[in-house]
């Protein structure tokens, strides 16, 4: 069992240091998520609703 008073070295909730980028449809800022780790460069939409509202790709 880990000690509670021991300082942590890994990420434990400090989202200020995570990368972010705007949604291609609404412009809302999206913060990096672990689920997007493998394809962060290809993530363009903040939600399924924005993905459905996307315009034609050129």
PDB file of N, CA and C in Angstrom:
ATOM      1  N   UNK A   1       0.840  -1.183   0.000  1.00  0.00           N
ATOM      2  CA  UNK A   1       0.000   0.000   0.000  1.00  0.00           C
ATOM      3  C   UNK A   1       0.889   1.252   0.000  1.00  0.00           C
ATOM      4  N   UNK A   2       0.678   2.219  -0.918  1.00  0.00           N
ATOM      5  CA  UNK A   2       1.535   3.404  -0.983  1.00  0.00           C
ATOM      6  C   UNK A   2       1.250   4.362   0.167  1.00  0.00           C
ATOM      7  N   UNK A   3       2.288   5.102   0.555  1.00  0.00           N
ATOM      8  CA  UNK A   3       2.128   6.102   1.612  1.00  0.00           C
ATOM      9  C   UNK A   3       1.402   7.310   1.062  1.00  0.00           C
ATOM     10  N   UNK A   4       0.574   7.925   1.869  1.00  0.00           N
ATOM     11  CA  UNK A   4      -0.192   9.082   1.420  1.00  0.00           C
ATOM     12  C   UNK A   4       0.605  10.375   1.501  1.00  0.00           C
ATOM     13  N   UNK A   5       1.589  10.476   2.351  1.00  0.00           N
ATOM     14  CA  UNK A   5       2.359  11.704   2.531  1.00  0.00           C
ATOM     15  C   UNK A   5       3.549  11.801   1.588  1.00  0.00           C
ATOM     16  N   UNK A   6       3.770  10.782   0.799  1.00  0.00           N
ATOM     17  CA  UNK A   6       4.901  10.743  -0.109  1.00  0.00           C
ATOM     18  C   UNK A   6       4.592  11.535  -1.384  1.00  0.00           C
ATOM     19  N   UNK A   7       5.480  12.427  -1.844  1.00  0.00           N
ATOM     20  CA  UNK A   7       5.202  13.178  -3.075  1.00  0.00           C
ATOM     21  C   UNK A   7       5.147  12.257  -4.292  1.00  0.00           C
ATOM     22  N   UNK A   8       4.225  12.537  -5.207  1.00  0.00           N
ATOM     23  CA  UNK A   8       4.054  11.725  -6.406  1.00  0.00           C
ATOM     24  C   UNK A   8       4.907  12.264  -7.541  1.00  0.00           C
ATOM     25  N   UNK A   9       5.503  11.408  -8.340  1.00  0.00           N
ATOM     26  CA  UNK A   9       6.315  11.812  -9.485  1.00  0.00           C
ATOM     27  C   UNK A   9       5.533  11.762 -10.782  1.00  0.00           C
ATOM     28  N   UNK A  10       4.508  10.918 -10.861  1.00  0.00           N
ATOM     29  CA  UNK A  10       3.731  10.764 -12.087  1.00  0.00           C
ATOM     30  C   UNK A  10       2.605  11.786 -12.141  1.00  0.00           C
ATOM     31  N   UNK A  11       1.984  11.891 -13.301  1.00  0.00           N
ATOM     32  CA  UNK A  11       0.833  12.764 -13.477  1.00  0.00           C
ATOM     33  C   UNK A  11      -0.317  12.283 -12.606  1.00  0.00           C
ATOM     34  N   UNK A  12      -0.851  13.176 -11.813  1.00  0.00           N
ATOM     35  CA  UNK A  12      -1.991  12.836 -10.955  1.00  0.00           C
ATOM     36  C   UNK A  12      -3.009  13.972 -10.956  1.00  0.00           C
ATOM     37  N   UNK A  13      -3.498  14.352 -12.136  1.00  0.00           N
ATOM     38  CA  UNK A  13      -4.580  15.307 -12.205  1.00  0.00           C
ATOM     39  C   UNK A  13      -4.214  16.733 -12.548  1.00  0.00           C
ATOM     40  N   UNK A  14      -2.954  17.057 -12.802  1.00  0.00           N
ATOM     41  CA  UNK A  14      -2.581  18.424 -13.149  1.00  0.00           C
ATOM     42  C   UNK A  14      -2.730  18.617 -14.649  1.00  0.00           C
ATOM     43  N   UNK A  15      -3.911  19.031 -15.098  1.00  0.00           N
ATOM     44  CA  UNK A  15      -4.210  19.138 -16.521  1.00  0.00           C
ATOM     45  C   UNK A  15      -3.599  20.364 -17.173  1.00  0.00           C
ATOM     46  N   UNK A  16      -3.035  21.259 -16.407  1.00  0.00           N
ATOM     47  CA  UNK A  16      -2.449  22.476 -16.966  1.00  0.00           C
ATOM     48  C   UNK A  16      -1.268  22.173 -17.877  1.00  0.00           C
ATOM     49  N   UNK A  17      -0.614  21.047 -17.686  1.00  0.00           N
ATOM     50  CA  UNK A  17       0.571  20.710 -18.468  1.00  0.00           C
ATOM     51  C   UNK A  17       0.291  19.765 -19.633  1.00  0.00           C
ATOM     52  N   UNK A  18      -0.977  19.416 -19.860  1.00  0.00           N
ATOM     53  CA  UNK A  18      -1.329  18.535 -20.965  1.00  0.00           C
ATOM     54  C   UNK A  18      -1.519  19.347 -22.249  1.00  0.00           C
ATOM     55  N   UNK A  19      -1.213  18.768 -23.413  1.00  0.00           N
ATOM     56  CA  UNK A  19      -1.436  19.488 -24.669  1.00  0.00           C
ATOM     57  C   UNK A  19      -2.927  19.661 -24.939  1.00  0.00           C
ATOM     58  N   UNK A  20      -3.254  20.703 -25.695  1.00  0.00           N
ATOM     59  CA  UNK A  20      -4.645  20.943 -26.056  1.00  0.00           C
ATOM     60  C   UNK A  20      -4.699  21.532 -27.453  1.00  0.00           C
ATOM     61  N   UNK A  21      -5.898  21.506 -28.044  1.00  0.00           N
ATOM     62  CA  UNK A  21      -6.110  22.096 -29.365  1.00  0.00           C
ATOM     63  C   UNK A  21      -7.597  22.371 -29.540  1.00  0.00           C
ATOM     64  N   UNK A  22      -7.972  23.263 -30.472  1.00  0.00           N
ATOM     65  CA  UNK A  22      -9.384  23.608 -30.652  1.00  0.00           C
ATOM     66  C   UNK A  22     -10.123  22.580 -31.509  1.00  0.00           C
ATOM     67  N   UNK A  23     -11.416  22.452 -31.266  1.00  0.00           N
ATOM     68  CA  UNK A  23     -12.292  21.607 -32.080  1.00  0.00           C
ATOM     69  C   UNK A  23     -12.437  22.262 -33.449  1.00  0.00           C
ATOM     70  N   UNK A  24     -12.451  21.473 -34.513  1.00  0.00           N
ATOM     71  CA  UNK A  24     -12.545  21.986 -35.875  1.00  0.00           C
ATOM     72  C   UNK A  24     -13.912  22.583 -36.189  1.00  0.00           C
ATOM     73  N   UNK A  25     -14.951  22.236 -35.421  1.00  0.00           N
ATOM     74  CA  UNK A  25     -16.304  22.725 -35.698  1.00  0.00           C
ATOM     75  C   UNK A  25     -16.678  23.885 -34.778  1.00  0.00           C
ATOM     76  N   UNK A  26     -16.609  23.683 -33.471  1.00  0.00           N
ATOM     77  CA  UNK A  26     -17.100  24.693 -32.529  1.00  0.00           C
ATOM     78  C   UNK A  26     -15.999  25.562 -31.932  1.00  0.00           C
ATOM     79  N   UNK A  27     -14.736  25.131 -32.044  1.00  0.00           N
ATOM     80  CA  UNK A  27     -13.633  25.914 -31.500  1.00  0.00           C
ATOM     81  C   UNK A  27     -13.358  25.681 -30.026  1.00  0.00           C
ATOM     82  N   UNK A  28     -14.121  24.824 -29.370  1.00  0.00           N
ATOM     83  CA  UNK A  28     -13.901  24.525 -27.956  1.00  0.00           C
ATOM     84  C   UNK A  28     -12.541  23.864 -27.780  1.00  0.00           C
ATOM     85  N   UNK A  29     -11.849  24.207 -26.713  1.00  0.00           N
ATOM     86  CA  UNK A  29     -10.536  23.633 -26.446  1.00  0.00           C
ATOM     87  C   UNK A  29     -10.672  22.202 -25.961  1.00  0.00           C
ATOM     88  N   UNK A  30      -9.951  21.294 -26.615  1.00  0.00           N
ATOM     89  CA  UNK A  30      -9.923  19.885 -26.209  1.00  0.00           C
ATOM     90  C   UNK A  30      -8.585  19.609 -25.541  1.00  0.00           C
ATOM     91  N   UNK A  31      -8.621  19.034 -24.360  1.00  0.00           N
ATOM     92  CA  UNK A  31      -7.404  18.669 -23.647  1.00  0.00           C
ATOM     93  C   UNK A  31      -7.096  17.203 -23.912  1.00  0.00           C
ATOM     94  N   UNK A  32      -5.819  16.879 -24.047  1.00  0.00           N
ATOM     95  CA  UNK A  32      -5.367  15.520 -24.330  1.00  0.00           C
ATOM     96  C   UNK A  32      -5.960  14.543 -23.338  1.00  0.00           C
ATOM     97  N   UNK A  33      -6.357  13.386 -23.837  1.00  0.00           N
ATOM     98  CA  UNK A  33      -6.871  12.286 -23.008  1.00  0.00           C
ATOM     99  C   UNK A  33      -6.053  11.039 -23.283  1.00  0.00           C
ATOM    100  N   UNK A  34      -5.966  10.193 -22.293  1.00  0.00           N
ATOM    101  CA  UNK A  34      -5.216   8.951 -22.449  1.00  0.00           C
ATOM    102  C   UNK A  34      -5.785   8.107 -23.583  1.00  0.00           C
ATOM    103  N   UNK A  35      -7.105   8.140 -23.769  1.00  0.00           N
ATOM    104  CA  UNK A  35      -7.743   7.369 -24.842  1.00  0.00           C
ATOM    105  C   UNK A  35      -7.278   7.835 -26.218  1.00  0.00           C
ATOM    106  N   UNK A  36      -6.834   9.105 -26.319  1.00  0.00           N
ATOM    107  CA  UNK A  36      -6.374   9.657 -27.593  1.00  0.00           C
ATOM    108  C   UNK A  36      -4.857   9.551 -27.758  1.00  0.00           C
ATOM    109  N   UNK A  37      -4.165   8.860 -26.896  1.00  0.00           N
ATOM    110  CA  UNK A  37      -2.704   8.814 -26.909  1.00  0.00           C
ATOM    111  C   UNK A  37      -2.137   8.321 -28.237  1.00  0.00           C
ATOM    112  N   UNK A  38      -2.768   7.328 -28.839  1.00  0.00           N
ATOM    113  CA  UNK A  38      -2.235   6.749 -30.079  1.00  0.00           C
ATOM    114  C   UNK A  38      -2.551   7.570 -31.316  1.00  0.00           C
ATOM    115  N   UNK A  39      -3.609   8.403 -31.264  1.00  0.00           N
ATOM    116  CA  UNK A  39      -3.991   9.143 -32.459  1.00  0.00           C
ATOM    117  C   UNK A  39      -4.285  10.625 -32.182  1.00  0.00           C
ATOM    118  N   UNK A  40      -3.585  11.233 -31.259  1.00  0.00           N
ATOM    119  CA  UNK A  40      -3.813  12.626 -30.889  1.00  0.00           C
ATOM    120  C   UNK A  40      -3.709  13.568 -32.096  1.00  0.00           C
ATOM    121  N   UNK A  41      -2.815  13.298 -33.021  1.00  0.00           N
ATOM    122  CA  UNK A  41      -2.651  14.157 -34.201  1.00  0.00           C
ATOM    123  C   UNK A  41      -3.883  14.138 -35.103  1.00  0.00           C
ATOM    124  N   UNK A  42      -4.657  13.061 -35.084  1.00  0.00           N
ATOM    125  CA  UNK A  42      -5.825  12.927 -35.951  1.00  0.00           C
ATOM    126  C   UNK A  42      -7.132  13.349 -35.287  1.00  0.00           C
ATOM    127  N   UNK A  43      -7.129  13.605 -33.985  1.00  0.00           N
ATOM    128  CA  UNK A  43      -8.338  14.024 -33.276  1.00  0.00           C
ATOM    129  C   UNK A  43      -8.687  15.440 -33.727  1.00  0.00           C
ATOM    130  N   UNK A  44      -9.928  15.628 -34.225  1.00  0.00           N
ATOM    131  CA  UNK A  44     -10.338  16.934 -34.744  1.00  0.00           C
ATOM    132  C   UNK A  44     -11.599  17.473 -34.084  1.00  0.00           C
ATOM    133  N   UNK A  45     -12.427  16.601 -33.503  1.00  0.00           N
ATOM    134  CA  UNK A  45     -13.728  17.005 -32.978  1.00  0.00           C
ATOM    135  C   UNK A  45     -13.825  16.715 -31.487  1.00  0.00           C
ATOM    136  N   UNK A  46     -14.509  17.602 -30.765  1.00  0.00           N
ATOM    137  CA  UNK A  46     -14.618  17.453 -29.312  1.00  0.00           C
ATOM    138  C   UNK A  46     -15.712  16.472 -28.897  1.00  0.00           C
ATOM    139  N   UNK A  47     -16.661  16.194 -29.792  1.00  0.00           N
ATOM    140  CA  UNK A  47     -17.777  15.329 -29.427  1.00  0.00           C
ATOM    141  C   UNK A  47     -18.378  14.677 -30.662  1.00  0.00           C
ATOM    142  N   UNK A  48     -19.273  13.730 -30.437  1.00  0.00           N
ATOM    143  CA  UNK A  48     -19.990  13.098 -31.548  1.00  0.00           C
ATOM    144  C   UNK A  48     -20.897  14.109 -32.240  1.00  0.00           C
ATOM    145  N   UNK A  49     -21.443  15.073 -31.485  1.00  0.00           N
ATOM    146  CA  UNK A  49     -22.309  16.094 -32.078  1.00  0.00           C
ATOM    147  C   UNK A  49     -21.516  16.947 -33.076  1.00  0.00           C
ATOM    148  N   UNK A  50     -20.301  17.342 -32.723  1.00  0.00           N
ATOM    149  CA  UNK A  50     -19.473  18.128 -33.643  1.00  0.00           C
ATOM    150  C   UNK A  50     -19.049  17.290 -34.850  1.00  0.00           C
ATOM    151  N   UNK A  51     -18.782  16.022 -34.631  1.00  0.00           N
ATOM    152  CA  UNK A  51     -18.422  15.144 -35.742  1.00  0.00           C
ATOM    153  C   UNK A  51     -19.577  15.037 -36.737  1.00  0.00           C
ATOM    154  N   UNK A  52     -20.807  15.004 -36.241  1.00  0.00           N
ATOM    155  CA  UNK A  52     -21.988  14.921 -37.103  1.00  0.00           C
ATOM    156  C   UNK A  52     -22.223  16.239 -37.852  1.00  0.00           C
ATOM    157  N   UNK A  53     -21.843  17.377 -37.260  1.00  0.00           N
ATOM    158  CA  UNK A  53     -22.050  18.680 -37.874  1.00  0.00           C
ATOM    159  C   UNK A  53     -20.909  19.106 -38.791  1.00  0.00           C
ATOM    160  N   UNK A  54     -19.874  18.289 -38.917  1.00  0.00           N
ATOM    161  CA  UNK A  54     -18.715  18.667 -39.721  1.00  0.00           C
ATOM    162  C   UNK A  54     -19.103  18.990 -41.150  1.00  0.00           C
ATOM    163  N   UNK A  55     -18.377  19.902 -41.739  1.00  0.00           N
ATOM    164  CA  UNK A  55     -18.656  20.278 -43.124  1.00  0.00           C
ATOM    165  C   UNK A  55     -17.974  19.313 -44.072  1.00  0.00           C
ATOM    166  N   UNK A  56     -18.151  19.515 -45.369  1.00  0.00           N
ATOM    167  CA  UNK A  56     -17.480  18.644 -46.359  1.00  0.00           C
ATOM    168  C   UNK A  56     -15.966  18.840 -46.295  1.00  0.00           C
ATOM    169  N   UNK A  57     -15.239  17.755 -46.368  1.00  0.00           N
ATOM    170  CA  UNK A  57     -13.777  17.830 -46.340  1.00  0.00           C
ATOM    171  C   UNK A  57     -13.272  18.222 -47.724  1.00  0.00           C
ATOM    172  N   UNK A  58     -12.250  19.051 -47.736  1.00  0.00           N
ATOM    173  CA  UNK A  58     -11.684  19.483 -49.024  1.00  0.00           C
ATOM    174  C   UNK A  58     -10.286  18.969 -49.198  1.00  0.00           C
TER     175      UNK A  58
END
